[in-house]
Amino acid sequence: MVVCLVLAAAVGLVYFAKAVDALGDAAAANAVANYDDRELAGGTALGVDQEALVAARGLIPEGETYRLVVGPQATNIGQFTRYFLMPRRTAEDARWVVCYECDLSRFGGELHVLWQSDAGVAVGRLPG
């Protein structure tokens, strides 16, 4: 009985040491990540265009509102985009537009595109 207890404790210590070592590796990997990687990690899992969100945050002033127009293939990025662009808020009548895989022709040629990616993301402003 004592032998079994000693063996179980030894096996437990070996696995505990391996687990602590693995945590150290994960912590080291997180420490290497730069600020943008950390800030955009949740969006990367959703497939957001990191460059587009950084561009939108740089172009849209903090006190302004924007409208997020999302195409049918990019339906799951809305919540992350709203979080990432805070303190900017969404509004249906906003002049600033973040068009994520949407059809730019819906703005009748009035949208002044300030930034656009090859992936179909655009940031622009409507007159008014």
C-alpha atoms as a PDB file:
ATOM      1  CA  MET A   1       0.000   0.000   0.000  1.00  0.00           C
ATOM      2  CA  VAL A   2       2.765   2.435   0.891  1.00  0.00           C
ATOM      3  CA  VAL A   3       4.612   1.546  -2.325  1.00  0.00           C
ATOM      4  CA  CYS A   4       1.555   2.398  -4.408  1.00  0.00           C
ATOM      5  CA  LEU A   5       1.179   5.690  -2.584  1.00  0.00           C
ATOM      6  CA  VAL A   6       4.830   6.585  -3.162  1.00  0.00           C
ATOM      7  CA  LEU A   7       4.579   5.648  -6.868  1.00  0.00           C
ATOM      8  CA  ALA A   8       1.412   7.707  -7.295  1.00  0.00           C
ATOM      9  CA  ALA A   9       3.075  10.699  -5.637  1.00  0.00           C
ATOM     10  CA  ALA A  10       6.153  10.331  -7.861  1.00  0.00           C
ATOM     11  CA  VAL A  11       4.041  10.141 -11.023  1.00  0.00           C
ATOM     12  CA  GLY A  12       2.028  13.138  -9.851  1.00  0.00           C
ATOM     13  CA  LEU A  13       5.195  15.170  -9.278  1.00  0.00           C
ATOM     14  CA  VAL A  14       6.509  14.315 -12.755  1.00  0.00           C
ATOM     15  CA  TYR A  15       3.273  15.448 -14.419  1.00  0.00           C
ATOM     16  CA  PHE A  16       3.149  18.568 -12.223  1.00  0.00           C
ATOM     17  CA  ALA A  17       6.677  19.492 -13.320  1.00  0.00           C
ATOM     18  CA  LYS A  18       5.738  18.982 -16.981  1.00  0.00           C
ATOM     19  CA  ALA A  19       2.633  21.153 -16.574  1.00  0.00           C
ATOM     20  CA  VAL A  20       4.604  23.973 -14.960  1.00  0.00           C
ATOM     21  CA  ASP A  21       7.169  23.776 -17.769  1.00  0.00           C
ATOM     22  CA  ALA A  22       4.386  24.013 -20.381  1.00  0.00           C
ATOM     23  CA  LEU A  23       2.949  27.076 -18.622  1.00  0.00           C
ATOM     24  CA  GLY A  24       6.355  28.705 -18.820  1.00  0.00           C
ATOM     25  CA  ASP A  25       6.472  28.090 -22.572  1.00  0.00           C
ATOM     26  CA  ALA A  26       3.003  29.620 -23.025  1.00  0.00           C
ATOM     27  CA  ALA A  27       3.959  32.649 -20.938  1.00  0.00           C
ATOM     28  CA  ALA A  28       7.138  33.129 -22.975  1.00  0.00           C
ATOM     29  CA  ALA A  29       5.140  32.984 -26.230  1.00  0.00           C
ATOM     30  CA  ASN A  30       2.692  35.605 -24.904  1.00  0.00           C
ATOM     31  CA  ALA A  31       5.534  37.846 -23.755  1.00  0.00           C
ATOM     32  CA  VAL A  32       7.009  37.883 -27.266  1.00  0.00           C
ATOM     33  CA  ALA A  33       3.749  39.161 -28.796  1.00  0.00           C
ATOM     34  CA  ASN A  34       3.748  42.871 -29.577  1.00  0.00           C
ATOM     35  CA  TYR A  35       0.980  45.281 -28.569  1.00  0.00           C
ATOM     36  CA  ASP A  36      -0.949  44.942 -31.840  1.00  0.00           C
ATOM     37  CA  ASP A  37      -0.851  41.143 -31.664  1.00  0.00           C
ATOM     38  CA  ARG A  38      -2.291  41.225 -28.164  1.00  0.00           C
ATOM     39  CA  GLU A  39      -4.931  43.813 -28.982  1.00  0.00           C
ATOM     40  CA  LEU A  40      -6.086  42.097 -32.173  1.00  0.00           C
ATOM     41  CA  ALA A  41      -5.861  38.472 -31.062  1.00  0.00           C
ATOM     42  CA  GLY A  42      -9.609  38.032 -30.625  1.00  0.00           C
ATOM     43  CA  GLY A  43     -10.314  39.474 -34.050  1.00  0.00           C
ATOM     44  CA  THR A  44      -7.722  37.277 -35.692  1.00  0.00           C
ATOM     45  CA  ALA A  45      -9.717  34.243 -34.611  1.00  0.00           C
ATOM     46  CA  LEU A  46     -12.745  35.739 -36.383  1.00  0.00           C
ATOM     47  CA  GLY A  47     -10.808  36.512 -39.550  1.00  0.00           C
ATOM     48  CA  VAL A  48     -10.883  40.296 -39.329  1.00  0.00           C
ATOM     49  CA  ASP A  49      -8.546  42.368 -41.447  1.00  0.00           C
ATOM     50  CA  GLN A  50      -6.165  43.759 -38.822  1.00  0.00           C
ATOM     51  CA  GLU A  51      -4.739  46.423 -41.116  1.00  0.00           C
ATOM     52  CA  ALA A  52      -8.239  47.677 -41.912  1.00  0.00           C
ATOM     53  CA  LEU A  53      -9.222  48.066 -38.279  1.00  0.00           C
ATOM     54  CA  VAL A  54      -6.002  49.877 -37.435  1.00  0.00           C
ATOM     55  CA  ALA A  55      -6.560  52.175 -40.435  1.00  0.00           C
ATOM     56  CA  ALA A  56     -10.162  52.856 -39.384  1.00  0.00           C
ATOM     57  CA  ARG A  57      -9.080  53.686 -35.857  1.00  0.00           C
ATOM     58  CA  GLY A  58      -6.450  56.049 -37.207  1.00  0.00           C
ATOM     59  CA  LEU A  59      -8.807  57.830 -39.606  1.00  0.00           C
ATOM     60  CA  ILE A  60     -12.023  58.157 -37.601  1.00  0.00           C
ATOM     61  CA  PRO A  61     -11.676  60.732 -34.804  1.00  0.00           C
ATOM     62  CA  GLU A  62     -12.521  59.447 -31.318  1.00  0.00           C
ATOM     63  CA  GLY A  63     -15.536  61.715 -30.900  1.00  0.00           C
ATOM     64  CA  GLU A  64     -17.135  60.742 -34.227  1.00  0.00           C
ATOM     65  CA  THR A  65     -19.699  58.096 -35.068  1.00  0.00           C
ATOM     66  CA  TYR A  66     -19.397  55.608 -37.897  1.00  0.00           C
ATOM     67  CA  ARG A  67     -21.556  53.081 -39.637  1.00  0.00           C
ATOM     68  CA  LEU A  68     -20.379  49.543 -40.032  1.00  0.00           C
ATOM     69  CA  VAL A  69     -21.588  48.018 -43.286  1.00  0.00           C
ATOM     70  CA  VAL A  70     -20.866  44.313 -43.506  1.00  0.00           C
ATOM     71  CA  GLY A  71     -21.203  42.052 -46.514  1.00  0.00           C
ATOM     72  CA  PRO A  72     -22.878  38.642 -46.337  1.00  0.00           C
ATOM     73  CA  GLN A  73     -19.580  36.759 -45.930  1.00  0.00           C
ATOM     74  CA  ALA A  74     -18.312  38.817 -42.980  1.00  0.00           C
ATOM     75  CA  THR A  75     -21.210  38.648 -40.558  1.00  0.00           C
ATOM     76  CA  ASN A  76     -19.239  37.650 -37.463  1.00  0.00           C
ATOM     77  CA  ILE A  77     -16.876  40.627 -37.231  1.00  0.00           C
ATOM     78  CA  GLY A  78     -19.353  43.284 -36.067  1.00  0.00           C
ATOM     79  CA  GLN A  79     -18.995  42.952 -32.309  1.00  0.00           C
ATOM     80  CA  PHE A  80     -15.202  42.841 -32.403  1.00  0.00           C
ATOM     81  CA  THR A  81     -15.062  45.864 -34.703  1.00  0.00           C
ATOM     82  CA  ARG A  82     -17.320  47.833 -32.364  1.00  0.00           C
ATOM     83  CA  TYR A  83     -15.085  46.922 -29.428  1.00  0.00           C
ATOM     84  CA  PHE A  84     -11.863  47.715 -31.259  1.00  0.00           C
ATOM     85  CA  LEU A  85     -13.007  51.134 -32.486  1.00  0.00           C
ATOM     86  CA  MET A  86     -14.196  52.361 -29.082  1.00  0.00           C
ATOM     87  CA  PRO A  87     -14.747  55.119 -27.988  1.00  0.00           C
ATOM     88  CA  ARG A  88     -16.161  55.722 -31.469  1.00  0.00           C
ATOM     89  CA  ARG A  89     -19.793  54.608 -31.646  1.00  0.00           C
ATOM     90  CA  THR A  90     -21.941  53.239 -34.426  1.00  0.00           C
ATOM     91  CA  ALA A  91     -24.866  55.213 -35.839  1.00  0.00           C
ATOM     92  CA  GLU A  92     -27.049  54.524 -38.863  1.00  0.00           C
ATOM     93  CA  ASP A  93     -26.709  58.088 -40.163  1.00  0.00           C
ATOM     94  CA  ALA A  94     -22.971  58.505 -39.498  1.00  0.00           C
ATOM     95  CA  ARG A  95     -20.791  60.138 -42.150  1.00  0.00           C
ATOM     96  CA  TRP A  96     -17.843  57.840 -41.480  1.00  0.00           C
ATOM     97  CA  VAL A  97     -18.216  54.398 -43.036  1.00  0.00           C
ATOM     98  CA  VAL A  98     -16.367  51.152 -42.413  1.00  0.00           C
ATOM     99  CA  CYS A  99     -17.344  48.915 -45.308  1.00  0.00           C
ATOM    100  CA  TYR A 100     -16.332  45.309 -44.667  1.00  0.00           C
ATOM    101  CA  GLU A 101     -16.764  43.290 -47.850  1.00  0.00           C
ATOM    102  CA  CYS A 102     -19.793  45.382 -48.774  1.00  0.00           C
ATOM    103  CA  ASP A 103     -20.829  46.869 -52.096  1.00  0.00           C
ATOM    104  CA  LEU A 104     -19.476  50.427 -52.272  1.00  0.00           C
ATOM    105  CA  SER A 105     -21.917  51.291 -55.056  1.00  0.00           C
ATOM    106  CA  ARG A 106     -24.697  51.385 -52.448  1.00  0.00           C
ATOM    107  CA  PHE A 107     -23.431  54.876 -51.534  1.00  0.00           C
ATOM    108  CA  GLY A 108     -24.075  56.178 -55.055  1.00  0.00           C
ATOM    109  CA  GLY A 109     -20.515  57.319 -55.625  1.00  0.00           C
ATOM    110  CA  GLU A 110     -20.702  59.785 -52.731  1.00  0.00           C
ATOM    111  CA  LEU A 111     -18.388  57.875 -50.398  1.00  0.00           C
ATOM    112  CA  HIS A 112     -14.929  59.419 -50.376  1.00  0.00           C
ATOM    113  CA  VAL A 113     -12.752  56.339 -49.784  1.00  0.00           C
ATOM    114  CA  LEU A 114      -9.738  57.224 -47.649  1.00  0.00           C
ATOM    115  CA  TRP A 115      -8.364  53.710 -47.254  1.00  0.00           C
ATOM    116  CA  GLN A 116      -9.069  50.426 -49.043  1.00  0.00           C
ATOM    117  CA  SER A 117      -7.584  46.944 -48.950  1.00  0.00           C
ATOM    118  CA  ASP A 118      -7.397  44.238 -51.581  1.00  0.00           C
ATOM    119  CA  ALA A 119      -9.589  42.112 -49.300  1.00  0.00           C
ATOM    120  CA  GLY A 120     -12.621  44.363 -49.858  1.00  0.00           C
ATOM    121  CA  VAL A 121     -12.461  46.525 -46.758  1.00  0.00           C
ATOM    122  CA  ALA A 122     -12.794  50.291 -47.123  1.00  0.00           C
ATOM    123  CA  VAL A 123     -12.902  53.248 -44.778  1.00  0.00           C
ATOM    124  CA  GLY A 124     -14.432  56.441 -46.069  1.00  0.00           C
ATOM    125  CA  ARG A 125     -16.507  59.491 -45.373  1.00  0.00           C
ATOM    126  CA  LEU A 126     -19.775  60.725 -46.800  1.00  0.00           C
ATOM    127  CA  PRO A 127     -20.279  64.425 -47.525  1.00  0.00           C
ATOM    128  CA  GLY A 128     -22.329  66.522 -45.233  1.00  0.00           C
END
